[in-house]
N, C-alpha and C. Protein backbone atom coordinates (compact mmCIF):
# COMPACT_ATOMS: atom_id res chain seq x y z
N UNK A 1 19.53 13.95 14.54
CA UNK A 1 19.02 15.25 14.53
C UNK A 1 17.57 14.38 13.45
N UNK A 2 17.10 12.90 13.23
CA UNK A 2 16.22 12.76 12.37
C UNK A 2 15.21 12.11 12.95
N UNK A 3 16.20 11.73 14.38
CA UNK A 3 15.29 10.54 15.90
C UNK A 3 14.68 11.73 16.36
N UNK A 4 15.51 13.03 16.06
CA UNK A 4 14.40 14.37 17.46
C UNK A 4 13.23 14.01 16.22
N UNK A 5 13.85 15.07 15.42
CA UNK A 5 12.35 15.50 13.79
C UNK A 5 11.11 14.38 14.07
N UNK A 6 12.10 12.93 13.98
CA UNK A 6 10.46 11.80 13.86
C UNK A 6 9.78 12.14 15.42
N UNK A 7 10.44 11.96 16.59
CA UNK A 7 9.25 11.84 17.96
C UNK A 7 8.95 12.95 18.55
N UNK A 8 8.94 14.08 17.74
CA UNK A 8 8.70 15.68 18.16
C UNK A 8 7.84 15.10 16.60
N UNK A 9 7.35 14.85 16.15
CA UNK A 9 6.24 15.04 15.64
C UNK A 9 5.38 14.43 15.52
N UNK A 10 5.30 12.29 16.30
CA UNK A 10 4.75 11.51 16.87
C UNK A 10 4.95 10.42 16.08
N UNK A 11 3.67 9.56 16.65
CA UNK A 11 3.36 8.16 15.31
C UNK A 11 3.41 8.51 14.22
N UNK A 12 2.51 8.94 13.60
CA UNK A 12 2.18 9.34 12.08
C UNK A 12 3.88 9.52 11.29
N UNK A 13 5.01 10.18 11.66
CA UNK A 13 6.10 10.24 11.15
C UNK A 13 7.72 9.61 11.72
N UNK A 14 6.79 8.55 12.42
CA UNK A 14 7.70 7.91 13.12
C UNK A 14 7.64 6.85 11.75
N UNK A 15 6.51 6.24 11.26
CA UNK A 15 6.35 5.53 10.34
C UNK A 15 7.85 5.38 9.26
N UNK A 16 7.99 6.96 9.01
CA UNK A 16 8.65 7.35 7.32
C UNK A 16 10.05 7.04 8.62
N UNK A 17 10.34 6.90 9.78
CA UNK A 17 11.94 7.19 10.50
C UNK A 17 12.36 5.25 10.12
N UNK A 18 11.09 4.57 10.83
CA UNK A 18 11.25 3.51 10.42
C UNK A 18 12.09 3.01 9.01
N UNK A 19 11.21 2.78 8.92
CA UNK A 19 10.72 2.80 7.12
C UNK A 19 12.39 3.15 6.10
N UNK A 20 12.85 4.90 6.90
CA UNK A 20 14.11 4.93 6.57
C UNK A 20 15.60 5.12 6.85
N UNK A 21 15.43 4.36 8.75
CA UNK A 21 16.38 3.89 8.98
C UNK A 21 16.06 2.32 9.28
N UNK A 22 17.67 1.69 10.42
CA UNK A 22 17.61 0.53 10.45
C UNK A 22 17.92 -0.76 8.92
N UNK A 23 17.55 -0.65 8.57
CA UNK A 23 17.68 -1.25 7.16
C UNK A 23 18.63 -1.98 6.90
N UNK A 24 19.56 -1.98 7.71
CA UNK A 24 20.30 -2.71 7.39
C UNK A 24 20.12 -4.25 7.10
N UNK A 25 19.70 -4.87 7.59
CA UNK A 25 19.36 -6.69 7.73
C UNK A 25 17.79 -6.33 6.08
N UNK A 26 18.00 -5.47 5.57
CA UNK A 26 17.50 -5.95 3.70
C UNK A 26 17.83 -5.62 3.03
N UNK A 27 17.93 -7.22 2.81
CA UNK A 27 18.47 -8.02 1.84
C UNK A 27 18.51 -7.59 -0.10
N UNK A 28 19.33 -8.07 -1.00
CA UNK A 28 18.95 -7.02 -1.71
C UNK A 28 18.33 -8.05 -2.82
N UNK A 29 17.66 -8.53 -2.02
CA UNK A 29 16.43 -9.52 -2.36
C UNK A 29 15.35 -8.91 -1.81
N UNK A 30 14.57 -8.08 -1.26
CA UNK A 30 14.09 -8.41 -0.67
C UNK A 30 13.76 -6.16 -0.50
N UNK A 31 12.29 -6.05 -0.59
CA UNK A 31 11.35 -4.65 -1.20
C UNK A 31 11.53 -4.22 0.28
N UNK A 32 10.74 -5.28 0.88
CA UNK A 32 10.22 -4.18 2.43
C UNK A 32 10.11 -5.50 3.68
N UNK A 33 9.53 -5.12 4.62
CA UNK A 33 10.10 -6.49 5.53
C UNK A 33 8.77 -5.88 6.29
N UNK A 34 7.34 -6.72 6.88
CA UNK A 34 6.31 -6.06 7.64
C UNK A 34 6.43 -7.01 8.96
N UNK A 35 7.14 -6.49 9.97
CA UNK A 35 7.07 -8.13 11.32
C UNK A 35 7.68 -9.04 10.77
N UNK A 36 9.15 -8.67 10.77
CA UNK A 36 9.60 -10.71 10.40
C UNK A 36 9.40 -10.56 8.53
N UNK A 37 7.38 -10.88 9.33
CA UNK A 37 7.57 -11.34 6.68
C UNK A 37 8.18 -10.36 5.80
N UNK A 38 8.88 -11.00 4.68
CA UNK A 38 9.84 -10.51 4.25
C UNK A 38 8.18 -9.88 2.64
N UNK A 39 8.72 -9.06 1.64
CA UNK A 39 8.06 -9.08 0.08
C UNK A 39 8.99 -8.82 -0.47
N UNK A 40 9.27 -10.08 -0.93
CA UNK A 40 10.36 -9.97 -1.69
C UNK A 40 10.24 -8.80 -3.24
N UNK A 41 11.72 -9.13 -3.64
CA UNK A 41 11.94 -7.73 -4.73
C UNK A 41 10.81 -8.70 -6.17
N UNK A 42 10.82 -10.54 -6.20
CA UNK A 42 9.90 -10.80 -7.24
C UNK A 42 8.83 -10.53 -7.04
N UNK A 43 7.75 -10.25 -5.98
CA UNK A 43 6.45 -9.62 -6.05
C UNK A 43 6.40 -8.24 -6.59
N UNK A 44 7.53 -7.40 -6.93
CA UNK A 44 7.73 -6.52 -6.63
C UNK A 44 7.32 -6.34 -7.91
N UNK A 45 8.19 -7.28 -8.89
CA UNK A 45 9.29 -7.06 -10.05
C UNK A 45 7.48 -7.45 -11.11
N UNK A 46 6.57 -8.05 -10.55
CA UNK A 46 5.13 -9.24 -10.38
C UNK A 46 4.03 -8.84 -10.76
N UNK A 47 4.00 -7.66 -9.54
CA UNK A 47 3.14 -6.57 -10.17
C UNK A 47 3.72 -5.74 -11.23
N UNK A 48 5.16 -5.20 -10.57
CA UNK A 48 5.28 -4.17 -12.07
C UNK A 48 4.85 -4.30 -13.40
N UNK A 49 4.87 -5.74 -13.35
CA UNK A 49 4.75 -5.79 -15.48
C UNK A 49 2.90 -6.24 -14.90
N UNK A 50 2.80 -6.69 -14.21
CA UNK A 50 1.23 -6.38 -14.82
C UNK A 50 0.81 -5.28 -14.57
N UNK A 51 0.95 -3.94 -13.72
CA UNK A 51 0.95 -2.58 -14.00
C UNK A 51 0.79 -2.32 -15.16
N UNK A 52 2.43 -2.96 -16.09
CA UNK A 52 2.81 -1.83 -16.62
C UNK A 52 1.62 -2.46 -18.07
N UNK A 53 0.89 -3.49 -17.61
CA UNK A 53 0.24 -4.63 -18.48
C UNK A 53 -0.97 -3.12 -18.64
N UNK A 54 -1.40 -3.91 -17.16
CA UNK A 54 -2.47 -2.46 -18.13
C UNK A 54 -2.77 -1.03 -17.59
N UNK A 55 -1.48 -0.32 -18.04
CA UNK A 55 -1.61 1.06 -18.26
C UNK A 55 -1.14 1.31 -19.44
N UNK A 56 -1.15 -0.22 -20.18
CA UNK A 56 -0.73 -0.62 -21.99
C UNK A 56 1.04 0.38 -22.64
N UNK A 57 1.85 -0.32 -21.39
CA UNK A 57 2.63 -0.29 -21.56
C UNK A 57 4.23 0.65 -21.91
N UNK A 58 4.99 0.82 -21.52
CA UNK A 58 6.01 2.05 -21.05
C UNK A 58 5.64 3.18 -22.44
N UNK A 59 5.68 4.13 -21.83
CA UNK A 59 6.31 5.19 -21.87
C UNK A 59 7.01 6.23 -23.66
N UNK A 60 6.94 7.32 -23.09
CA UNK A 60 8.11 8.44 -24.00
C UNK A 60 9.01 8.05 -22.87
N UNK A 61 8.57 8.72 -21.28
CA UNK A 61 9.66 9.21 -20.52
C UNK A 61 9.44 7.38 -19.40
N UNK A 62 10.54 6.98 -20.56
CA UNK A 62 10.23 4.48 -19.73
C UNK A 62 10.74 5.13 -17.91
N UNK A 63 12.07 5.60 -18.37
CA UNK A 63 12.52 5.32 -17.08
C UNK A 63 11.40 5.80 -15.61
N UNK A 64 11.05 7.17 -16.22
CA UNK A 64 9.98 7.57 -15.25
C UNK A 64 8.71 7.08 -14.48
N UNK A 65 8.56 6.39 -16.06
CA UNK A 65 7.36 5.65 -15.76
C UNK A 65 7.59 4.17 -15.02
N UNK A 66 8.81 3.67 -14.99
CA UNK A 66 8.76 2.72 -14.68
C UNK A 66 9.28 2.40 -12.73
N UNK A 67 10.06 3.60 -12.77
CA UNK A 67 9.95 4.12 -10.73
C UNK A 67 8.70 4.22 -11.02
N UNK A 68 8.26 5.37 -10.93
CA UNK A 68 5.93 5.16 -10.33
C UNK A 68 5.46 4.20 -10.10
N UNK A 69 6.10 3.20 -11.46
CA UNK A 69 5.04 2.13 -11.07
C UNK A 69 5.81 1.07 -10.05
N UNK A 70 7.64 0.88 -9.71
CA UNK A 70 7.89 0.22 -9.16
C UNK A 70 6.86 0.63 -7.87
N UNK A 71 7.31 2.53 -7.21
CA UNK A 71 6.70 2.98 -6.09
C UNK A 71 5.49 2.73 -5.74
N UNK A 72 4.66 2.32 -6.74
CA UNK A 72 2.73 1.86 -6.40
C UNK A 72 2.34 0.50 -6.02
N UNK A 73 3.62 -0.27 -6.61
CA UNK A 73 3.86 -1.51 -6.86
C UNK A 73 4.29 -2.11 -5.07
N UNK A 74 4.98 -1.57 -4.79
CA UNK A 74 5.91 -1.62 -3.59
C UNK A 74 5.19 -0.55 -2.06
N UNK A 75 3.86 0.04 -2.61
CA UNK A 75 2.96 0.67 -1.58
C UNK A 75 2.05 -0.22 -1.76
N UNK A 76 0.87 -1.01 -2.79
CA UNK A 76 0.04 -1.78 -2.94
C UNK A 76 0.27 -2.59 -2.22
N UNK A 77 1.82 -3.34 -2.16
CA UNK A 77 1.49 -4.81 -1.25
C UNK A 77 2.11 -4.23 0.10
N UNK A 78 2.97 -3.64 0.39
CA UNK A 78 2.55 -2.86 1.42
C UNK A 78 1.58 -2.03 2.24
N UNK A 79 0.60 -2.16 1.86
CA UNK A 79 -0.91 -1.51 2.45
C UNK A 79 -1.97 -2.31 2.49
N UNK A 80 -1.34 -3.00 1.18
CA UNK A 80 -2.58 -4.49 1.42
C UNK A 80 -2.26 -5.31 3.12
N UNK A 81 -0.91 -5.65 3.52
CA UNK A 81 -0.32 -6.25 5.28
C UNK A 81 -0.89 -4.49 6.95
N UNK A 82 -0.51 -3.93 5.90
CA UNK A 82 -0.43 -2.62 7.10
C UNK A 82 -2.34 -2.71 7.36
N UNK A 83 -3.47 -2.61 6.20
CA UNK A 83 -4.68 -2.17 6.38
C UNK A 83 -5.32 -3.77 6.92
N UNK A 84 -4.50 -5.07 6.56
CA UNK A 84 -4.62 -6.01 7.19
C UNK A 84 -4.02 -6.25 8.65
N UNK A 85 -3.06 -4.56 9.40
CA UNK A 85 -3.10 -5.16 10.87
C UNK A 85 -4.36 -4.18 11.74
N UNK A 86 -4.22 -3.52 10.53
CA UNK A 86 -4.99 -2.05 11.15
C UNK A 86 -5.91 -3.06 11.98
N UNK A 87 -6.88 -3.70 10.82
CA UNK A 87 -9.05 -4.02 10.85
C UNK A 87 -8.22 -5.59 11.08
N UNK A 88 -7.44 -6.00 11.60
CA UNK A 88 -7.09 -6.97 12.90
C UNK A 88 -7.10 -6.14 13.94
N UNK A 89 -6.37 -4.82 14.31
CA UNK A 89 -5.85 -4.84 15.49
C UNK A 89 -7.36 -4.14 15.90
N UNK A 90 -8.41 -3.89 15.65
CA UNK A 90 -9.65 -2.99 16.12
C UNK A 90 -10.91 -4.16 16.05
N UNK A 91 -10.72 -5.46 15.59
CA UNK A 91 -12.37 -6.49 15.37
C UNK A 91 -11.48 -7.97 14.25
N UNK A 92 -12.56 -8.32 13.23
CA UNK A 92 -12.27 -9.39 12.92
C UNK A 92 -11.49 -8.97 11.60
N UNK A 93 -11.06 -9.53 10.66
CA UNK A 93 -10.44 -9.85 9.97
C UNK A 93 -11.65 -9.79 8.86
N UNK A 94 -10.94 -8.77 7.35
CA UNK A 94 -12.05 -8.82 6.31
C UNK A 94 -12.30 -10.40 5.73
N UNK A 95 -12.92 -10.70 5.80
CA UNK A 95 -13.00 -12.45 5.12
C UNK A 95 -13.59 -12.62 3.68
N UNK A 96 -12.67 -13.67 3.11
CA UNK A 96 -13.22 -14.39 1.62
C UNK A 96 -14.53 -14.15 1.62
N UNK A 97 -15.63 -14.53 2.05
CA UNK A 97 -16.46 -14.34 1.90
C UNK A 97 -17.04 -12.55 1.06
N UNK A 98 -16.86 -11.83 2.62
CA UNK A 98 -17.09 -10.71 1.95
C UNK A 98 -16.43 -9.85 1.47
N UNK A 99 -15.14 -10.53 0.38
CA UNK A 99 -14.56 -10.05 -0.89
C UNK A 99 -15.42 -10.29 -1.69
N UNK A 100 -15.90 -11.50 -1.85
CA UNK A 100 -16.67 -11.83 -2.63
C UNK A 100 -18.18 -11.60 -3.20
N UNK A 101 -18.77 -11.45 -1.94
CA UNK A 101 -19.76 -10.37 -1.48
C UNK A 101 -19.82 -9.34 -2.28
N UNK A 102 -18.45 -8.84 -2.55
CA UNK A 102 -18.29 -6.99 -2.43
C UNK A 102 -18.15 -7.44 -4.07
N UNK A 103 -17.09 -8.62 -4.56
CA UNK A 103 -16.78 -8.65 -6.12
C UNK A 103 -18.16 -8.56 -6.87
N UNK A 104 -18.62 -9.23 -6.50
CA UNK A 104 -20.24 -9.63 -6.73
C UNK A 104 -20.76 -8.65 -7.01
N UNK A 105 -21.12 -7.73 -6.19
CA UNK A 105 -22.57 -6.95 -5.95
C UNK A 105 -21.07 -5.53 -6.63
N UNK A 106 -19.65 -5.19 -7.79
CA UNK A 106 -19.45 -4.48 -8.36
C UNK A 106 -19.45 -5.00 -9.57
N UNK A 107 -19.76 -6.36 -9.44
CA UNK A 107 -19.89 -6.86 -10.70
C UNK A 107 -21.40 -6.74 -11.22
N UNK A 108 -22.09 -6.69 -10.70
CA UNK A 108 -23.36 -5.81 -10.99
C UNK A 108 -23.82 -4.49 -11.15
N UNK A 109 -23.05 -3.76 -11.03
CA UNK A 109 -22.93 -2.78 -11.13
C UNK A 109 -22.48 -2.70 -11.78
N UNK A 110 -21.06 -3.18 -12.83
CA UNK A 110 -20.55 -2.96 -13.77
C UNK A 110 -21.15 -3.20 -14.69
N UNK A 111 -21.58 -4.74 -14.08
CA UNK A 111 -22.72 -5.21 -15.64
C UNK A 111 -21.82 -6.37 -16.19
N UNK A 112 -21.02 -6.91 -15.34
CA UNK A 112 -20.30 -7.97 -15.37
C UNK A 112 -18.61 -7.64 -15.01
N UNK A 113 -17.72 -9.25 -14.87
CA UNK A 113 -16.93 -9.28 -14.88
C UNK A 113 -15.87 -8.34 -15.29
N UNK A 114 -15.97 -8.60 -16.77
CA UNK A 114 -15.02 -7.92 -17.41
C UNK A 114 -15.08 -6.39 -17.54
N UNK A 115 -15.95 -6.24 -17.79
CA UNK A 115 -16.68 -4.51 -17.64
C UNK A 115 -15.91 -4.41 -16.34
N UNK A 116 -15.77 -5.13 -15.27
CA UNK A 116 -15.60 -3.93 -13.85
C UNK A 116 -14.09 -4.86 -13.75
N UNK A 117 -13.76 -5.48 -14.65
CA UNK A 117 -11.75 -5.23 -14.57
C UNK A 117 -11.60 -4.28 -15.61
N UNK A 118 -12.09 -3.50 -16.70
CA UNK A 118 -11.34 -3.01 -17.05
C UNK A 118 -11.80 -1.76 -16.40
N UNK A 119 -13.02 -1.47 -15.87
CA UNK A 119 -13.21 -0.10 -15.13
C UNK A 119 -11.74 -0.20 -13.61
N UNK A 120 -11.67 -1.22 -13.70
CA UNK A 120 -10.53 -1.77 -11.80
C UNK A 120 -8.62 -1.29 -12.47
N UNK A 121 -8.56 -1.83 -14.50
CA UNK A 121 -7.41 -1.22 -14.95
C UNK A 121 -7.31 0.14 -15.22
N UNK A 122 -8.01 1.09 -14.83
CA UNK A 122 -8.47 1.79 -15.48
C UNK A 122 -7.92 2.97 -14.70
N UNK A 123 -7.88 2.00 -13.09
CA UNK A 123 -6.83 2.96 -12.14
C UNK A 123 -6.15 2.07 -11.66
N UNK A 124 -5.73 1.91 -12.51
CA UNK A 124 -4.40 1.21 -12.13
C UNK A 124 -4.39 -0.48 -11.15
N UNK A 125 -5.76 -1.20 -11.56
CA UNK A 125 -5.66 -2.78 -10.76
C UNK A 125 -5.43 -3.25 -11.70
N UNK A 126 -4.14 -4.51 -11.65
CA UNK A 126 -4.80 -5.24 -12.22
C UNK A 126 -5.53 -6.32 -12.31
N UNK A 127 -5.92 -7.43 -13.37
CA UNK A 127 -7.10 -8.25 -13.14
C UNK A 127 -6.62 -9.58 -11.11
N UNK A 128 -5.23 -9.51 -12.01
CA UNK A 128 -5.17 -10.35 -10.45
C UNK A 128 -5.00 -10.18 -8.89
N UNK A 129 -5.05 -8.65 -9.02
CA UNK A 129 -4.97 -7.54 -7.79
C UNK A 129 -6.35 -7.02 -7.28
N UNK A 130 -7.93 -7.61 -8.11
CA UNK A 130 -8.79 -7.18 -8.11
C UNK A 130 -9.36 -7.71 -6.27
N UNK A 131 -8.87 -8.93 -6.26
CA UNK A 131 -9.90 -9.39 -4.94
C UNK A 131 -8.63 -8.46 -3.47
N UNK A 132 -7.46 -8.25 -3.73
CA UNK A 132 -6.88 -7.59 -2.75
C UNK A 132 -7.32 -5.98 -2.75
N UNK A 133 -7.91 -5.62 -4.13
CA UNK A 133 -7.61 -3.66 -4.18
C UNK A 133 -8.98 -4.05 -3.28
N UNK A 134 -10.14 -4.88 -3.44
CA UNK A 134 -11.90 -5.02 -2.90
C UNK A 134 -10.67 -5.21 -1.39
N UNK A 135 -10.92 -5.94 -1.02
CA UNK A 135 -10.33 -6.09 0.57
C UNK A 135 -9.66 -5.07 1.39
N UNK A 136 -8.90 -4.27 0.73
CA UNK A 136 -8.37 -3.72 1.03
C UNK A 136 -9.41 -2.27 1.32
N UNK A 137 -10.42 -2.07 -0.15
CA UNK A 137 -11.29 -0.47 0.74
C UNK A 137 -11.30 -1.39 1.54
N UNK A 138 -12.29 -2.47 1.29
CA UNK A 138 -13.33 -2.58 2.87
C UNK A 138 -12.46 -2.49 4.20
N UNK A 139 -11.47 -2.47 4.47
CA UNK A 139 -11.08 -2.46 5.56
C UNK A 139 -10.41 -0.94 5.59
N UNK A 140 -10.09 -0.59 4.74
CA UNK A 140 -10.47 0.96 5.04
C UNK A 140 -12.30 1.98 5.78
N UNK A 141 -12.63 0.96 5.09
CA UNK A 141 -14.51 0.98 5.24
C UNK A 141 -14.32 1.04 6.77
N UNK A 142 -14.43 -0.53 6.92
CA UNK A 142 -14.32 -0.60 8.33
C UNK A 142 -13.41 0.40 9.69
N UNK A 143 -12.06 0.45 9.15
CA UNK A 143 -11.25 1.31 10.07
C UNK A 143 -11.60 3.09 10.49
N UNK A 144 -12.68 3.63 9.51
CA UNK A 144 -12.85 4.41 9.81
C UNK A 144 -14.84 4.32 10.31
N UNK A 145 -15.20 2.96 10.09
CA UNK A 145 -16.56 3.20 10.93
C UNK A 145 -15.99 2.54 12.28
N UNK A 146 -14.88 1.90 12.25
CA UNK A 146 -14.71 1.92 14.03
C UNK A 146 -14.12 3.25 14.70
N UNK A 147 -13.46 4.65 14.37
CA UNK A 147 -14.07 5.63 14.83
C UNK A 147 -15.37 6.22 14.92
N UNK A 148 -16.13 5.99 14.19
CA UNK A 148 -17.09 6.41 13.92
C UNK A 148 -17.64 7.49 13.43
N UNK A 149 -16.06 6.82 11.61
CA UNK A 149 -16.68 8.55 10.98
C UNK A 149 -17.06 7.47 9.59
N UNK A 150 -16.85 8.60 8.17
CA UNK A 150 -17.22 7.61 7.53
C UNK A 150 -15.52 7.97 6.81
N UNK A 151 -15.39 6.95 5.71
CA UNK A 151 -13.77 7.03 4.93
C UNK A 151 -13.82 8.22 4.09
N UNK A 152 -14.42 8.47 3.91
CA UNK A 152 -15.06 9.54 2.10
C UNK A 152 -15.16 10.70 2.51
N UNK A 153 -15.17 10.81 4.33
CA UNK A 153 -15.09 12.83 4.63
C UNK A 153 -13.44 12.64 4.90
N UNK A 154 -13.59 14.00 5.43
CA UNK A 154 -12.16 14.82 5.75
C UNK A 154 -11.78 13.88 7.29
N UNK A 155 -12.49 13.83 7.80
CA UNK A 155 -12.53 13.43 8.98
C UNK A 155 -11.94 12.06 9.30
N UNK A 156 -12.70 11.10 8.88
CA UNK A 156 -12.75 9.60 8.44
C UNK A 156 -11.31 9.42 7.55
N UNK A 157 -11.32 10.16 6.61
CA UNK A 157 -9.77 9.77 6.16
C UNK A 157 -8.34 9.89 6.98
N UNK A 158 -8.61 11.30 8.25
CA UNK A 158 -7.59 11.15 8.85
C UNK A 158 -7.59 10.32 10.42
N UNK A 159 -9.09 9.69 10.13
CA UNK A 159 -8.40 8.37 11.26
C UNK A 159 -8.26 7.24 10.60
N UNK A 160 -8.46 6.79 9.29
CA UNK A 160 -7.80 5.89 9.02
C UNK A 160 -6.27 6.18 8.48
N UNK A 161 -5.42 7.03 8.40
CA UNK A 161 -4.54 7.15 8.82
C UNK A 161 -3.83 7.32 9.57
N UNK A 162 -4.03 7.60 10.60
CA UNK A 162 -3.72 7.40 12.38
C UNK A 162 -3.91 5.95 11.88
N UNK A 163 -4.85 5.43 12.61
CA UNK A 163 -4.53 3.30 11.99
C UNK A 163 -4.11 2.69 11.62
N UNK A 164 -3.64 3.82 10.10
CA UNK A 164 -2.88 2.88 9.32
C UNK A 164 -1.35 3.03 10.05
N UNK A 165 -1.11 4.12 10.38
CA UNK A 165 -0.06 4.65 10.42
C UNK A 165 0.53 3.65 12.07
N UNK A 166 -0.19 3.56 13.10
CA UNK A 166 -0.08 2.66 14.37
C UNK A 166 0.23 1.47 13.74
N UNK A 167 -0.06 0.51 12.52
CA UNK A 167 -0.15 -0.73 12.25
C UNK A 167 1.01 -0.53 11.54
N UNK A 168 1.96 0.35 11.27
CA UNK A 168 3.22 0.13 10.48
C UNK A 168 3.92 0.13 11.83
N UNK A 169 3.09 1.08 12.50
CA UNK A 169 4.79 0.98 12.80
C UNK A 169 5.02 -0.37 14.12
N UNK A 170 3.45 -0.48 14.68
CA UNK A 170 3.38 -2.10 15.01
C UNK A 170 3.81 -3.07 14.43
N UNK A 171 4.04 -3.16 13.15
CA UNK A 171 4.65 -3.93 12.55
C UNK A 171 6.13 -4.28 12.08
N UNK A 172 6.17 -2.87 12.53
CA UNK A 172 8.32 -2.52 12.51
C UNK A 172 8.07 -2.33 10.85
N UNK A 173 7.74 -1.94 10.38
CA UNK A 173 7.83 -1.44 8.89
C UNK A 173 8.77 -1.16 8.43
N UNK A 174 9.54 -1.54 7.80
CA UNK A 174 10.59 -1.07 6.39
C UNK A 174 10.74 -1.32 5.28
N UNK A 175 11.29 -0.38 4.58
CA UNK A 175 11.38 -0.33 3.20
C UNK A 175 12.60 -0.36 3.39
N UNK A 176 12.87 -1.24 1.89
CA UNK A 176 14.39 -0.51 1.78
C UNK A 176 14.70 0.39 0.46
N UNK A 177 15.96 1.45 1.29
CA UNK A 177 15.59 2.70 0.81
C UNK A 177 16.06 2.92 -1.00
N UNK A 178 16.18 1.87 -1.78
CA UNK A 178 16.34 1.32 -3.13
C UNK A 178 15.09 2.24 -3.71
N UNK A 179 13.78 1.63 -2.58
CA UNK A 179 12.21 2.00 -3.46
C UNK A 179 12.19 3.96 -3.04
N UNK A 180 12.60 3.74 -2.05
CA UNK A 180 12.01 5.07 -1.89
C UNK A 180 11.98 5.21 0.88
N UNK A 181 11.57 6.07 1.10
CA UNK A 181 10.42 6.35 2.39
C UNK A 181 9.59 6.38 2.85
N UNK A 182 9.29 5.42 3.47
CA UNK A 182 7.48 5.45 3.73
C UNK A 182 6.94 6.44 4.26
N UNK A 183 6.13 7.15 3.43
CA UNK A 183 5.74 8.62 4.58
C UNK A 183 4.11 8.28 4.72
N UNK A 184 3.12 7.97 5.45
CA UNK A 184 2.54 7.83 6.52
C UNK A 184 1.54 8.60 6.02
N UNK A 185 1.82 10.51 5.70
CA UNK A 185 1.26 11.71 5.52
C UNK A 185 -0.19 10.54 4.04
N UNK A 186 1.31 10.62 3.23
CA UNK A 186 0.77 10.29 1.62
C UNK A 186 0.03 8.78 1.67
N UNK A 187 0.54 7.74 2.66
CA UNK A 187 0.41 6.85 3.28
C UNK A 187 0.80 5.65 1.75
N UNK A 188 2.22 6.59 1.02
CA UNK A 188 2.22 5.78 0.49
C UNK A 188 4.37 5.15 0.43
N UNK A 189 5.09 5.29 -0.85
CA UNK A 189 6.42 6.18 -1.48
C UNK A 189 6.81 6.77 -1.40
N UNK A 190 7.38 7.72 -0.89
CA UNK A 190 8.39 8.24 -0.99
C UNK A 190 9.08 8.09 -2.60
N UNK A 191 9.68 9.36 -3.31
CA UNK A 191 11.15 8.77 -4.07
C UNK A 191 12.26 8.43 -3.17
N UNK A 192 12.57 7.71 -3.02
CA UNK A 192 14.83 7.84 -3.09
C UNK A 192 14.52 8.73 -2.83
N UNK A 193 15.59 9.18 -1.80
CA UNK A 193 16.59 10.19 -1.72
C UNK A 193 17.26 10.60 -3.43
N UNK A 194 18.32 9.05 -3.14
CA UNK A 194 19.27 9.18 -4.00
C UNK A 194 19.14 7.99 -5.14
N UNK A 195 17.80 8.82 -5.78
CA UNK A 195 17.13 7.16 -7.48
C UNK A 195 18.44 6.83 -7.93
N UNK A 196 19.90 6.64 -7.22
CA UNK A 196 21.31 6.41 -8.29
C UNK A 196 21.04 4.51 -7.91
N UNK A 197 20.41 4.85 -6.19
CA UNK A 197 20.21 3.61 -5.27
C UNK A 197 19.21 2.36 -5.97
N UNK A 198 18.52 3.44 -6.75
CA UNK A 198 17.38 2.09 -7.35
C UNK A 198 17.68 1.99 -9.12
N UNK A 199 19.24 1.82 -9.11
CA UNK A 199 19.06 1.49 -10.64
C UNK A 199 19.91 0.15 -10.42
């Protein structure tokens, strides 16, 4: 039944189907696989630690916070690869020089490297992930432009989501169900259907 619903819904929901099904090949140490490339659990744990640092430590509801940070970490790591693939399918990749130029421009805008890092930390971007964040943002704007749209508009947003959904399918994205299910509409992870799997 799930497969019939996925087929009827089209390419967007196919991403959710791929992440929810066919995960038998995912080992306990793998958070996700994209085109055969593993995102190890260790990378997720390192990102969670960085996110917890910029968010100011554990909250009163540590369990809920931890689950949210884990989903954010997996989403970020998966999106880096999905955006890169979507951009590559439409033209040149976002290069290191472009990222460096964007970072320099943002530092000028915010009044220096420290204020920029502080502003991005408030948004949940760790210092070590600033370049990845900027590369992803540049890629999203490039995807919208490739469709003749502005990423800041609803039409542009829909165009980007379609491109990311197609890229996730092309990458044969599979997410370990302990972390949830990839939701192409949200472009992120929905909570695990069985929360105890994450424990």
